[in-house]
Every structure is written in C-alpha cells, then in structure tokens.
C-alpha atoms as a PDB file:
ATOM      1  CA  UNK A   1      74.080  89.663  70.943  1.00  0.00           C
ATOM      2  CA  UNK A   2      72.593  88.531  74.563  1.00  0.00           C
ATOM      3  CA  UNK A   3      69.163  87.922  75.971  1.00  0.00           C
ATOM      4  CA  UNK A   4      70.512  90.802  78.390  1.00  0.00           C
ATOM      5  CA  UNK A   5      70.764  93.797  75.994  1.00  0.00           C
ATOM      6  CA  UNK A   6      67.425  93.170  74.312  1.00  0.00           C
ATOM      7  CA  UNK A   7      65.423  93.746  77.764  1.00  0.00           C
ATOM      8  CA  UNK A   8      65.960  96.324  80.290  1.00  0.00           C
ATOM      9  CA  UNK A   9      66.548  94.392  82.838  1.00  0.00           C
ATOM     10  CA  UNK A  10      66.267  95.461  87.003  1.00  0.00           C
ATOM     11  CA  UNK A  11      70.169  95.512  88.055  1.00  0.00           C
ATOM     12  CA  UNK A  12      69.565  96.901  91.277  1.00  0.00           C
ATOM     13  CA  UNK A  13      72.405  97.027  94.244  1.00  0.00           C
ATOM     14  CA  UNK A  14      72.368  93.286  95.334  1.00  0.00           C
ATOM     15  CA  UNK A  15      74.395  94.570  98.418  1.00  0.00           C
ATOM     16  CA  UNK A  16      72.804  92.638 101.693  1.00  0.00           C
ATOM     17  CA  UNK A  17      74.089  94.463 104.300  1.00  0.00           C
ATOM     18  CA  UNK A  18      76.867  92.293 104.800  1.00  0.00           C
ATOM     19  CA  UNK A  19      79.468  94.329 103.940  1.00  0.00           C
ATOM     20  CA  UNK A  20      82.981  92.806 104.886  1.00  0.00           C
ATOM     21  CA  UNK A  21      85.650  91.746 102.204  1.00  0.00           C
ATOM     22  CA  UNK A  22      87.351  88.464 102.262  1.00  0.00           C
ATOM     23  CA  UNK A  23      90.932  87.067 101.488  1.00  0.00           C
ATOM     24  CA  UNK A  24      90.095  88.196  97.476  1.00  0.00           C
ATOM     25  CA  UNK A  25      89.016  91.866  98.303  1.00  0.00           C
ATOM     26  CA  UNK A  26      85.474  90.818  97.277  1.00  0.00           C
ATOM     27  CA  UNK A  27      82.657  91.279  99.971  1.00  0.00           C
ATOM     28  CA  UNK A  28      81.362  88.474 101.558  1.00  0.00           C
ATOM     29  CA  UNK A  29      77.534  89.592 101.109  1.00  0.00           C
ATOM     30  CA  UNK A  30      77.600  90.197  97.777  1.00  0.00           C
ATOM     31  CA  UNK A  31      80.728  89.193  96.213  1.00  0.00           C
ATOM     32  CA  UNK A  32      81.474  92.615  94.052  1.00  0.00           C
ATOM     33  CA  UNK A  33      84.940  94.019  94.244  1.00  0.00           C
ATOM     34  CA  UNK A  34      85.787  97.386  96.007  1.00  0.00           C
ATOM     35  CA  UNK A  35      85.539  99.129  92.595  1.00  0.00           C
ATOM     36  CA  UNK A  36      82.367  97.242  91.542  1.00  0.00           C
ATOM     37  CA  UNK A  37      80.631  98.657  95.069  1.00  0.00           C
ATOM     38  CA  UNK A  38      82.229 101.887  94.326  1.00  0.00           C
ATOM     39  CA  UNK A  39      81.320 103.026  91.373  1.00  0.00           C
ATOM     40  CA  UNK A  40      77.993 100.783  90.951  1.00  0.00           C
ATOM     41  CA  UNK A  41      75.618 104.062  90.349  1.00  0.00           C
ATOM     42  CA  UNK A  42      77.624 105.566  87.618  1.00  0.00           C
ATOM     43  CA  UNK A  43      77.982 102.035  86.182  1.00  0.00           C
ATOM     44  CA  UNK A  44      75.881 101.555  82.858  1.00  0.00           C
ATOM     45  CA  UNK A  45      72.816  98.792  82.662  1.00  0.00           C
ATOM     46  CA  UNK A  46      75.189  97.054  80.643  1.00  0.00           C
ATOM     47  CA  UNK A  47      78.018  97.383  83.246  1.00  0.00           C
ATOM     48  CA  UNK A  48      75.829  96.260  85.842  1.00  0.00           C
ATOM     49  CA  UNK A  49      74.735  92.929  84.406  1.00  0.00           C
ATOM     50  CA  UNK A  50      77.956  92.296  83.777  1.00  0.00           C
ATOM     51  CA  UNK A  51      78.971  92.814  87.239  1.00  0.00           C
ATOM     52  CA  UNK A  52      75.883  90.874  88.402  1.00  0.00           C
ATOM     53  CA  UNK A  53      77.391  87.512  86.214  1.00  0.00           C
ATOM     54  CA  UNK A  54      80.542  88.325  88.004  1.00  0.00           C
ATOM     55  CA  UNK A  55      79.008  87.880  91.330  1.00  0.00           C
ATOM     56  CA  UNK A  56      77.270  84.918  90.567  1.00  0.00           C
ATOM     57  CA  UNK A  57      79.703  83.043  88.645  1.00  0.00           C
ATOM     58  CA  UNK A  58      82.347  84.009  91.620  1.00  0.00           C
ATOM     59  CA  UNK A  59      79.530  82.424  93.893  1.00  0.00           C
ATOM     60  CA  UNK A  60      79.469  78.977  92.352  1.00  0.00           C
ATOM     61  CA  UNK A  61      83.270  78.943  92.416  1.00  0.00           C
ATOM     62  CA  UNK A  62      83.320  79.711  95.663  1.00  0.00           C
ATOM     63  CA  UNK A  63      80.213  77.074  96.439  1.00  0.00           C
ATOM     64  CA  UNK A  64      82.088  74.159  94.540  1.00  0.00           C
ATOM     65  CA  UNK A  65      85.279  74.683  96.319  1.00  0.00           C
ATOM     66  CA  UNK A  66      83.121  74.844  99.847  1.00  0.00           C
ATOM     67  CA  UNK A  67      81.302  71.711  99.080  1.00  0.00           C
ATOM     68  CA  UNK A  68      85.073  69.831  98.129  1.00  0.00           C
ATOM     69  CA  UNK A  69      86.179  70.822 101.800  1.00  0.00           C
ATOM     70  CA  UNK A  70      83.497  69.530 102.969  1.00  0.00           C
ATOM     71  CA  UNK A  71      83.294  66.215 101.007  1.00  0.00           C
ATOM     72  CA  UNK A  72      86.744  65.800 102.530  1.00  0.00           C
ATOM     73  CA  UNK A  73      85.890  66.418 105.660  1.00  0.00           C
ATOM     74  CA  UNK A  74      83.226  63.756 105.542  1.00  0.00           C
ATOM     75  CA  UNK A  75      85.548  61.468 104.027  1.00  0.00           C
ATOM     76  CA  UNK A  76      88.101  62.217 106.727  1.00  0.00           C
ATOM     77  CA  UNK A  77      85.785  60.948 109.015  1.00  0.00           C
ATOM     78  CA  UNK A  78      85.120  58.143 107.628  1.00  0.00           C
ATOM     79  CA  UNK A  79      88.066  56.973 107.538  1.00  0.00           C
ATOM     80  CA  UNK A  80      88.859  57.919 110.668  1.00  0.00           C
ATOM     81  CA  UNK A  81      86.057  55.880 112.605  1.00  0.00           C
ATOM     82  CA  UNK A  82      86.420  52.893 110.830  1.00  0.00           C
ATOM     83  CA  UNK A  83      89.314  52.488 108.462  1.00  0.00           C
ATOM     84  CA  UNK A  84      89.526  48.385 108.066  1.00  0.00           C
ATOM     85  CA  UNK A  85      86.419  48.393 107.463  1.00  0.00           C
ATOM     86  CA  UNK A  86      85.430  51.569 104.522  1.00  0.00           C
ATOM     87  CA  UNK A  87      89.439  50.638 102.859  1.00  0.00           C
ATOM     88  CA  UNK A  88      87.394  50.760  99.684  1.00  0.00           C
ATOM     89  CA  UNK A  89      87.054  54.642  99.559  1.00  0.00           C
ATOM     90  CA  UNK A  90      91.198  54.858  99.347  1.00  0.00           C
END
C-alpha cells in the first residue's frame, strides 16, 4: 500500500491554462493525455493521483531530454570556437 492511499490527498486539476497538444499528444501545460484531461472529473481520487504521478514522470523525462540537448549544443559551441585547444572534449 502506498502512502497516497492512506491519506485523502487534494488531487486538484493540474491545468495551468496552456492547453496545446505536443508531438506525442500530451498537453504542453500539464502533460496529461487527451483522455486524462477529458475524463478528469470522472476519475476516482486514486486514479487522479496516478495521473499526477504519470505527469511528474513525463515532466522529468522531458526535462532530462532538454538538458541533454542543451549539453550537446554547449559542447558544439565550445568545439567550434577553439577545436585545437579543446580536443580533450572528444
């Protein structure tokens, strides 16, 4: 049994008013799927908590992807500015 099952958690609607779908169909604002958004009011407390957990996982995955992308861009900039001096990055 998880701790979230023991207490009545306020699983309020995570909508932040940025209602646009991304490439994978998740809302760019709250990271819920179309079905998760559409049926939110009909979900039980436990189901809402699971959806919120999924949203957190999606957010971490998205942030990790963005961080790796930024790192690659910075390394490319460093190597382009002085490749002979910074060959140890390769």
